[in-house]
Amino acid sequence: MPDFHTTPAGRRLAYVKTAGTAPGIVFLGGFKSDMQGTKAVFLEDWARARGHAFLRFDYSGHGQSSGAFEEGCIGDWAADARAMIEAQTVGPQILVGSSMGGWISLLMAKALPPGRIAGLVTIAAAPDFTTRTWEEELTEAQRQEVQKTGRTALPSDYGAPYVFTRKLFDDGAQQRVLTAPLPLPFPVRFLQGTADTDVPPQVALNLLDHASGADIRLTLMRDADHRFSTPDCLALIAASVADVLDGA
């Protein structure tokens, strides 16, 4: 059973924390995902076996946390992540961000004080995806629908259609990380599947080109899709976290 933490904004967030040594590891999940996912649980077991502290949690409107998904936005979920890291971890942390969690991990790199992030691993990171969705994926009719009704629904490979709200688009435009310098002064590993149709590999290449830092690497996994959860993908995630830990 999870524990719960109430953030300064009054949101009640579900989390599971494993005690251990520093640097700790924090898993940041994706859009409409929860902390019960394959990658989060796998990495928790991996960290526990090696004695490292580990934290996974549900953003507001996700999983077992309070709030409605459609009322949230990137800024809210980033604030949730910061509140959890500040309240439930001690010392330097390795952030592992999956999809939207990759975007949020980059926002944490900008928001948290020096020394709190010891390294970063992203999995199919989706920085600025709301802007990309608005400009490249929505039809003109869908953009008008958002303007008139405040929302539109997009098909999903993972179940029911995803609702994108005007709040999500408007806030996402304010949270972009690819429109200003992005210094990452710690070990960074970007992981990306070549068969990812949700976040095209070009996004990872753009991120690699945009970010600055002395130890940043991008690894492409041939034929891996957005889930990035096959045994080989999970092994690569673990190896990447271990690599970052060695350099932290």
C-alpha atoms as a PDB file:
ATOM      1  CA  MET A   1       0.000   0.000   0.000  1.00  0.00           C
ATOM      2  CA  PRO A   2       1.287   3.474  -0.796  1.00  0.00           C
ATOM      3  CA  ASP A   3       1.877   6.289   1.629  1.00  0.00           C
ATOM      4  CA  PHE A   4       0.471   9.758   0.935  1.00  0.00           C
ATOM      5  CA  HIS A   5       2.004  13.210   0.988  1.00  0.00           C
ATOM      6  CA  THR A   6       0.074  16.483   0.837  1.00  0.00           C
ATOM      7  CA  THR A   7       1.899  19.089  -1.236  1.00  0.00           C
ATOM      8  CA  PRO A   8       2.001  22.842  -0.523  1.00  0.00           C
ATOM      9  CA  ALA A   9      -0.705  23.177  -3.215  1.00  0.00           C
ATOM     10  CA  GLY A  10      -2.959  20.825  -1.231  1.00  0.00           C
ATOM     11  CA  ARG A  11      -2.703  17.848  -3.587  1.00  0.00           C
ATOM     12  CA  ARG A  12      -2.576  14.410  -1.924  1.00  0.00           C
ATOM     13  CA  LEU A  13      -0.007  12.294  -3.737  1.00  0.00           C
ATOM     14  CA  ALA A  14       0.473   8.546  -3.440  1.00  0.00           C
ATOM     15  CA  TYR A  15       4.047   7.313  -3.213  1.00  0.00           C
ATOM     16  CA  VAL A  16       6.215   4.327  -2.379  1.00  0.00           C
ATOM     17  CA  LYS A  17       9.648   4.931  -0.894  1.00  0.00           C
ATOM     18  CA  THR A  18      12.478   2.489  -0.284  1.00  0.00           C
ATOM     19  CA  ALA A  19      15.217   3.411   2.177  1.00  0.00           C
ATOM     20  CA  GLY A  20      18.820   3.144   1.085  1.00  0.00           C
ATOM     21  CA  THR A  21      22.056   4.924   0.363  1.00  0.00           C
ATOM     22  CA  ALA A  22      22.646   8.062  -1.694  1.00  0.00           C
ATOM     23  CA  PRO A  23      22.487   8.950  -4.452  1.00  0.00           C
ATOM     24  CA  GLY A  24      18.855   7.973  -4.383  1.00  0.00           C
ATOM     25  CA  ILE A  25      16.814   7.256  -7.489  1.00  0.00           C
ATOM     26  CA  VAL A  26      13.520   8.971  -8.329  1.00  0.00           C
ATOM     27  CA  PHE A  27      11.253   7.644 -11.085  1.00  0.00           C
ATOM     28  CA  LEU A  28       9.124  10.203 -12.943  1.00  0.00           C
ATOM     29  CA  GLY A  29       6.330   8.580 -14.930  1.00  0.00           C
ATOM     30  CA  GLY A  30       4.659   9.525 -18.155  1.00  0.00           C
ATOM     31  CA  PHE A  31       1.452  11.192 -19.300  1.00  0.00           C
ATOM     32  CA  LYS A  32      -1.543   9.407 -17.752  1.00  0.00           C
ATOM     33  CA  SER A  33       0.644   6.593 -16.433  1.00  0.00           C
ATOM     34  CA  ASP A  34       1.107   5.583 -12.810  1.00  0.00           C
ATOM     35  CA  MET A  35       3.794   4.292 -10.477  1.00  0.00           C
ATOM     36  CA  GLN A  36       2.700   0.663 -10.954  1.00  0.00           C
ATOM     37  CA  GLY A  37       4.208   0.514 -14.447  1.00  0.00           C
ATOM     38  CA  THR A  38       6.759  -2.060 -15.531  1.00  0.00           C
ATOM     39  CA  LYS A  39       9.723   0.320 -15.639  1.00  0.00           C
ATOM     40  CA  ALA A  40       9.022   1.888 -12.239  1.00  0.00           C
ATOM     41  CA  VAL A  41       8.634  -1.429 -10.429  1.00  0.00           C
ATOM     42  CA  PHE A  42      11.609  -2.993 -12.225  1.00  0.00           C
ATOM     43  CA  LEU A  43      13.837  -0.084 -11.282  1.00  0.00           C
ATOM     44  CA  GLU A  44      12.633  -0.162  -7.684  1.00  0.00           C
ATOM     45  CA  ASP A  45      13.639  -3.824  -7.414  1.00  0.00           C
ATOM     46  CA  TRP A  46      16.972  -3.054  -9.075  1.00  0.00           C
ATOM     47  CA  ALA A  47      17.693  -0.186  -6.669  1.00  0.00           C
ATOM     48  CA  ARG A  48      16.681  -2.214  -3.625  1.00  0.00           C
ATOM     49  CA  ALA A  49      19.025  -5.046  -4.621  1.00  0.00           C
ATOM     50  CA  ARG A  50      21.881  -2.535  -4.722  1.00  0.00           C
ATOM     51  CA  GLY A  51      20.943  -0.729  -1.536  1.00  0.00           C
ATOM     52  CA  HIS A  52      20.005   2.606  -3.117  1.00  0.00           C
ATOM     53  CA  ALA A  53      17.102   4.725  -1.893  1.00  0.00           C
ATOM     54  CA  PHE A  54      14.235   4.811  -4.380  1.00  0.00           C
ATOM     55  CA  LEU A  55      11.062   6.882  -4.792  1.00  0.00           C
ATOM     56  CA  ARG A  56       8.125   6.431  -7.162  1.00  0.00           C
ATOM     57  CA  PHE A  57       4.866   8.366  -6.984  1.00  0.00           C
ATOM     58  CA  ASP A  58       1.703   9.320  -8.828  1.00  0.00           C
ATOM     59  CA  TYR A  59       1.222  12.882 -10.052  1.00  0.00           C
ATOM     60  CA  SER A  60      -2.079  14.512  -9.155  1.00  0.00           C
ATOM     61  CA  GLY A  61      -4.850  13.159 -11.372  1.00  0.00           C
ATOM     62  CA  HIS A  62      -2.844   9.982 -11.929  1.00  0.00           C
ATOM     63  CA  GLY A  63      -3.025   6.586 -10.251  1.00  0.00           C
ATOM     64  CA  GLN A  64      -4.000   6.769  -6.586  1.00  0.00           C
ATOM     65  CA  SER A  65      -3.324  10.471  -6.101  1.00  0.00           C
ATOM     66  CA  SER A  66      -6.026  13.097  -5.653  1.00  0.00           C
ATOM     67  CA  GLY A  67      -7.473  15.247  -8.407  1.00  0.00           C
ATOM     68  CA  ALA A  68      -8.875  14.754 -11.899  1.00  0.00           C
ATOM     69  CA  PHE A  69      -6.454  14.146 -14.770  1.00  0.00           C
ATOM     70  CA  GLU A  70      -8.207  16.603 -17.078  1.00  0.00           C
ATOM     71  CA  GLU A  71      -7.779  19.410 -14.544  1.00  0.00           C
ATOM     72  CA  GLY A  72      -3.982  19.056 -14.484  1.00  0.00           C
ATOM     73  CA  CYS A  73      -1.153  20.402 -16.623  1.00  0.00           C
ATOM     74  CA  ILE A  74       2.611  20.144 -16.964  1.00  0.00           C
ATOM     75  CA  GLY A  75       3.234  22.912 -14.433  1.00  0.00           C
ATOM     76  CA  ASP A  76       1.072  21.144 -11.839  1.00  0.00           C
ATOM     77  CA  TRP A  77       2.805  17.816 -12.352  1.00  0.00           C
ATOM     78  CA  ALA A  78       6.236  19.448 -12.247  1.00  0.00           C
ATOM     79  CA  ALA A  79       5.244  21.103  -8.965  1.00  0.00           C
ATOM     80  CA  ASP A  80       4.164  17.681  -7.689  1.00  0.00           C
ATOM     81  CA  ALA A  81       7.549  16.228  -8.632  1.00  0.00           C
ATOM     82  CA  ARG A  82       9.436  19.031  -6.936  1.00  0.00           C
ATOM     83  CA  ALA A  83       7.331  18.723  -3.778  1.00  0.00           C
ATOM     84  CA  MET A  84       7.941  14.982  -3.587  1.00  0.00           C
ATOM     85  CA  ILE A  85      11.680  15.274  -4.205  1.00  0.00           C
ATOM     86  CA  GLU A  86      12.044  18.016  -1.620  1.00  0.00           C
ATOM     87  CA  ALA A  87       9.921  16.277   1.031  1.00  0.00           C
ATOM     88  CA  GLN A  88      10.705  12.605   0.509  1.00  0.00           C
ATOM     89  CA  THR A  89      14.370  12.481  -0.518  1.00  0.00           C
ATOM     90  CA  VAL A  90      17.615  13.537   1.108  1.00  0.00           C
ATOM     91  CA  GLY A  91      20.776  14.530  -0.697  1.00  0.00           C
ATOM     92  CA  PRO A  92      21.655  13.997  -4.343  1.00  0.00           C
ATOM     93  CA  GLN A  93      19.248  12.080  -6.576  1.00  0.00           C
ATOM     94  CA  ILE A  94      19.349  10.366  -9.957  1.00  0.00           C
ATOM     95  CA  LEU A  95      16.173  11.294 -11.829  1.00  0.00           C
ATOM     96  CA  VAL A  96      14.779   8.710 -14.248  1.00  0.00           C
ATOM     97  CA  GLY A  97      12.102  10.291 -16.415  1.00  0.00           C
ATOM     98  CA  SER A  98       9.906   8.349 -18.826  1.00  0.00           C
ATOM     99  CA  SER A  99       8.188  10.200 -21.701  1.00  0.00           C
ATOM    100  CA  MET A 100       6.481  13.219 -20.072  1.00  0.00           C
ATOM    101  CA  GLY A 101       8.574  12.391 -17.008  1.00  0.00           C
ATOM    102  CA  GLY A 102      11.624  13.141 -19.128  1.00  0.00           C
ATOM    103  CA  TRP A 103      10.277  16.652 -19.709  1.00  0.00           C
ATOM    104  CA  ILE A 104       9.560  17.017 -16.016  1.00  0.00           C
ATOM    105  CA  SER A 105      13.059  15.810 -15.125  1.00  0.00           C
ATOM    106  CA  LEU A 106      14.475  18.593 -17.321  1.00  0.00           C
ATOM    107  CA  LEU A 107      12.256  21.103 -15.534  1.00  0.00           C
ATOM    108  CA  MET A 108      13.622  19.770 -12.232  1.00  0.00           C
ATOM    109  CA  ALA A 109      17.153  20.338 -13.526  1.00  0.00           C
ATOM    110  CA  LYS A 110      16.234  24.006 -13.890  1.00  0.00           C
ATOM    111  CA  ALA A 111      14.253  24.304 -10.648  1.00  0.00           C
ATOM    112  CA  LEU A 112      16.158  22.372  -7.987  1.00  0.00           C
ATOM    113  CA  PRO A 113      19.222  23.819  -6.242  1.00  0.00           C
ATOM    114  CA  PRO A 114      22.713  22.715  -7.281  1.00  0.00           C
ATOM    115  CA  GLY A 115      23.722  19.384  -5.821  1.00  0.00           C
ATOM    116  CA  ARG A 116      20.237  17.904  -5.564  1.00  0.00           C
ATOM    117  CA  ILE A 117      20.447  16.233  -8.973  1.00  0.00           C
ATOM    118  CA  ALA A 118      23.420  13.907  -9.326  1.00  0.00           C
ATOM    119  CA  GLY A 119      22.456  12.624 -12.750  1.00  0.00           C
ATOM    120  CA  LEU A 120      19.674  12.100 -15.239  1.00  0.00           C
ATOM    121  CA  VAL A 121      18.353   9.196 -17.307  1.00  0.00           C
ATOM    122  CA  THR A 122      15.466   9.801 -19.691  1.00  0.00           C
ATOM    123  CA  ILE A 123      13.457   7.169 -21.548  1.00  0.00           C
ATOM    124  CA  ALA A 124      11.756   8.391 -24.722  1.00  0.00           C
ATOM    125  CA  ALA A 125      11.770  11.893 -23.268  1.00  0.00           C
ATOM    126  CA  ALA A 126       8.970  14.111 -24.562  1.00  0.00           C
ATOM    127  CA  PRO A 127      10.036  17.705 -23.880  1.00  0.00           C
ATOM    128  CA  ASP A 128       7.596  20.340 -25.098  1.00  0.00           C
ATOM    129  CA  PHE A 129       5.243  17.650 -26.450  1.00  0.00           C
ATOM    130  CA  THR A 130       2.126  19.776 -25.980  1.00  0.00           C
ATOM    131  CA  THR A 131       3.484  22.372 -28.404  1.00  0.00           C
ATOM    132  CA  ARG A 132       4.444  19.666 -30.883  1.00  0.00           C
ATOM    133  CA  THR A 133       0.972  18.130 -30.566  1.00  0.00           C
ATOM    134  CA  TRP A 134      -0.725  21.489 -31.155  1.00  0.00           C
ATOM    135  CA  GLU A 135       1.392  22.486 -34.118  1.00  0.00           C
ATOM    136  CA  GLU A 136       2.010  19.161 -35.868  1.00  0.00           C
ATOM    137  CA  GLU A 137      -0.614  16.618 -34.818  1.00  0.00           C
ATOM    138  CA  LEU A 138      -3.929  18.428 -34.379  1.00  0.00           C
ATOM    139  CA  THR A 139      -6.096  19.199 -37.372  1.00  0.00           C
ATOM    140  CA  GLU A 140      -7.403  22.720 -37.807  1.00  0.00           C
ATOM    141  CA  ALA A 141     -10.821  21.423 -36.760  1.00  0.00           C
ATOM    142  CA  GLN A 142      -9.345  20.036 -33.538  1.00  0.00           C
ATOM    143  CA  ARG A 143      -7.578  23.305 -32.775  1.00  0.00           C
ATOM    144  CA  GLN A 144     -10.875  25.125 -33.238  1.00  0.00           C
ATOM    145  CA  GLU A 145     -12.551  22.571 -30.978  1.00  0.00           C
ATOM    146  CA  VAL A 146     -10.020  23.347 -28.241  1.00  0.00           C
ATOM    147  CA  GLN A 147     -10.627  27.068 -28.651  1.00  0.00           C
ATOM    148  CA  LYS A 148     -14.407  26.659 -28.506  1.00  0.00           C
ATOM    149  CA  THR A 149     -14.899  23.847 -25.966  1.00  0.00           C
ATOM    150  CA  GLY A 150     -11.633  23.847 -24.048  1.00  0.00           C
ATOM    151  CA  ARG A 151     -10.674  20.298 -25.038  1.00  0.00           C
ATOM    152  CA  THR A 152     -10.251  17.668 -27.713  1.00  0.00           C
ATOM    153  CA  ALA A 153      -9.781  13.890 -27.571  1.00  0.00           C
ATOM    154  CA  LEU A 154      -6.945  12.094 -29.340  1.00  0.00           C
ATOM    155  CA  PRO A 155      -6.738   8.339 -29.918  1.00  0.00           C
ATOM    156  CA  SER A 156      -4.317   6.373 -27.758  1.00  0.00           C
ATOM    157  CA  ASP A 157      -2.567   3.039 -28.200  1.00  0.00           C
ATOM    158  CA  TYR A 158      -2.918   2.494 -24.460  1.00  0.00           C
ATOM    159  CA  GLY A 159      -6.702   2.481 -23.998  1.00  0.00           C
ATOM    160  CA  ALA A 160      -9.300   5.233 -23.953  1.00  0.00           C
ATOM    161  CA  PRO A 161      -8.625   8.420 -25.940  1.00  0.00           C
ATOM    162  CA  TYR A 162      -6.505  11.060 -24.233  1.00  0.00           C
ATOM    163  CA  VAL A 163      -8.207  14.361 -23.516  1.00  0.00           C
ATOM    164  CA  PHE A 164      -6.030  17.386 -24.241  1.00  0.00           C
ATOM    165  CA  THR A 165      -7.328  20.583 -22.659  1.00  0.00           C
ATOM    166  CA  ARG A 166      -6.734  24.207 -23.466  1.00  0.00           C
ATOM    167  CA  LYS A 167      -5.151  24.522 -20.031  1.00  0.00           C
ATOM    168  CA  LEU A 168      -2.688  21.753 -20.929  1.00  0.00           C
ATOM    169  CA  PHE A 169      -1.697  23.474 -24.164  1.00  0.00           C
ATOM    170  CA  ASP A 170      -1.495  26.971 -22.656  1.00  0.00           C
ATOM    171  CA  ASP A 171       0.521  25.852 -19.641  1.00  0.00           C
ATOM    172  CA  GLY A 172       2.735  23.577 -21.730  1.00  0.00           C
ATOM    173  CA  ALA A 173       3.786  26.559 -23.822  1.00  0.00           C
ATOM    174  CA  GLN A 174       5.036  28.209 -20.632  1.00  0.00           C
ATOM    175  CA  GLN A 175       6.992  25.113 -19.525  1.00  0.00           C
ATOM    176  CA  ARG A 176       9.048  24.583 -22.674  1.00  0.00           C
ATOM    177  CA  VAL A 177      12.697  23.627 -22.196  1.00  0.00           C
ATOM    178  CA  LEU A 178      13.866  23.637 -25.830  1.00  0.00           C
ATOM    179  CA  THR A 179      13.464  27.388 -26.332  1.00  0.00           C
ATOM    180  CA  ALA A 180      16.127  28.529 -23.854  1.00  0.00           C
ATOM    181  CA  PRO A 181      19.569  27.291 -22.744  1.00  0.00           C
ATOM    182  CA  LEU A 182      19.417  23.900 -21.014  1.00  0.00           C
ATOM    183  CA  PRO A 183      22.565  23.274 -18.970  1.00  0.00           C
ATOM    184  CA  LEU A 184      22.816  19.752 -17.533  1.00  0.00           C
ATOM    185  CA  PRO A 185      26.009  19.779 -15.435  1.00  0.00           C
ATOM    186  CA  PHE A 186      25.931  16.112 -14.376  1.00  0.00           C
ATOM    187  CA  PRO A 187      25.985  12.709 -16.108  1.00  0.00           C
ATOM    188  CA  VAL A 188      23.035  12.399 -18.514  1.00  0.00           C
ATOM    189  CA  ARG A 189      21.847   9.406 -20.531  1.00  0.00           C
ATOM    190  CA  PHE A 190      19.040   9.807 -23.069  1.00  0.00           C
ATOM    191  CA  LEU A 191      17.457   6.513 -24.186  1.00  0.00           C
ATOM    192  CA  GLN A 192      15.233   6.282 -27.260  1.00  0.00           C
ATOM    193  CA  GLY A 193      13.627   3.547 -29.351  1.00  0.00           C
ATOM    194  CA  THR A 194      13.828   3.788 -33.137  1.00  0.00           C
ATOM    195  CA  ALA A 195      10.303   2.361 -33.542  1.00  0.00           C
ATOM    196  CA  ASP A 196       8.707   4.901 -31.178  1.00  0.00           C
ATOM    197  CA  THR A 197       5.701   6.433 -32.936  1.00  0.00           C
ATOM    198  CA  ASP A 198       4.628   8.568 -29.938  1.00  0.00           C
ATOM    199  CA  VAL A 199       7.954  10.368 -29.537  1.00  0.00           C
ATOM    200  CA  PRO A 200       9.907  10.200 -32.800  1.00  0.00           C
ATOM    201  CA  PRO A 201      13.686   9.640 -32.554  1.00  0.00           C
ATOM    202  CA  GLN A 202      14.201  13.130 -33.990  1.00  0.00           C
ATOM    203  CA  VAL A 203      12.974  14.530 -30.671  1.00  0.00           C
ATOM    204  CA  ALA A 204      15.854  12.786 -28.890  1.00  0.00           C
ATOM    205  CA  LEU A 205      18.329  14.084 -31.458  1.00  0.00           C
ATOM    206  CA  ASN A 206      16.985  17.619 -31.026  1.00  0.00           C
ATOM    207  CA  LEU A 207      17.291  17.306 -27.250  1.00  0.00           C
ATOM    208  CA  LEU A 208      20.868  16.039 -27.504  1.00  0.00           C
ATOM    209  CA  ASP A 209      21.730  18.953 -29.785  1.00  0.00           C
ATOM    210  CA  HIS A 210      20.055  21.519 -27.524  1.00  0.00           C
ATOM    211  CA  ALA A 211      21.264  20.486 -24.058  1.00  0.00           C
ATOM    212  CA  SER A 212      24.708  21.465 -22.825  1.00  0.00           C
ATOM    213  CA  GLY A 213      26.951  19.488 -20.499  1.00  0.00           C
ATOM    214  CA  ALA A 214      30.238  17.610 -20.335  1.00  0.00           C
ATOM    215  CA  ASP A 215      28.773  14.099 -20.031  1.00  0.00           C
ATOM    216  CA  ILE A 216      25.641  13.693 -22.165  1.00  0.00           C
ATOM    217  CA  ARG A 217      25.015  10.602 -24.295  1.00  0.00           C
ATOM    218  CA  LEU A 218      22.137   9.368 -26.440  1.00  0.00           C
ATOM    219  CA  THR A 219      21.542   5.637 -26.963  1.00  0.00           C
ATOM    220  CA  LEU A 220      19.151   4.452 -29.678  1.00  0.00           C
ATOM    221  CA  MET A 221      17.578   1.013 -29.234  1.00  0.00           C
ATOM    222  CA  ARG A 222      16.743  -0.497 -32.604  1.00  0.00           C
ATOM    223  CA  ASP A 223      13.056  -1.478 -33.022  1.00  0.00           C
ATOM    224  CA  ALA A 224      12.107  -0.434 -29.467  1.00  0.00           C
ATOM    225  CA  ASP A 225       8.706   1.260 -29.183  1.00  0.00           C
ATOM    226  CA  HIS A 226       7.487   3.916 -26.768  1.00  0.00           C
ATOM    227  CA  ARG A 227       6.849   1.458 -23.945  1.00  0.00           C
ATOM    228  CA  PHE A 228      10.571   0.660 -23.811  1.00  0.00           C
ATOM    229  CA  SER A 229       9.866  -2.235 -21.453  1.00  0.00           C
ATOM    230  CA  THR A 230      11.165  -5.381 -23.137  1.00  0.00           C
ATOM    231  CA  PRO A 231      13.843  -7.291 -21.189  1.00  0.00           C
ATOM    232  CA  ASP A 232      16.564  -5.731 -23.351  1.00  0.00           C
ATOM    233  CA  CYS A 233      15.141  -2.243 -22.814  1.00  0.00           C
ATOM    234  CA  LEU A 234      14.901  -2.739 -19.057  1.00  0.00           C
ATOM    235  CA  ALA A 235      18.482  -3.996 -18.984  1.00  0.00           C
ATOM    236  CA  LEU A 236      19.597  -0.866 -20.859  1.00  0.00           C
ATOM    237  CA  ILE A 237      17.753   1.348 -18.370  1.00  0.00           C
ATOM    238  CA  ALA A 238      19.479  -0.384 -15.458  1.00  0.00           C
ATOM    239  CA  ALA A 239      22.888  -0.174 -17.146  1.00  0.00           C
ATOM    240  CA  SER A 240      22.350   3.527 -17.825  1.00  0.00           C
ATOM    241  CA  VAL A 241      21.409   4.260 -14.219  1.00  0.00           C
ATOM    242  CA  ALA A 242      24.451   2.294 -13.055  1.00  0.00           C
ATOM    243  CA  ASP A 243      26.634   4.290 -15.449  1.00  0.00           C
ATOM    244  CA  VAL A 244      25.263   7.568 -14.088  1.00  0.00           C
ATOM    245  CA  LEU A 245      25.740   6.380 -10.509  1.00  0.00           C
ATOM    246  CA  ASP A 246      29.368   5.556 -11.265  1.00  0.00           C
ATOM    247  CA  GLY A 247      29.913   9.071 -12.581  1.00  0.00           C
ATOM    248  CA  ALA A 248      27.923  10.895  -9.899  1.00  0.00           C
END
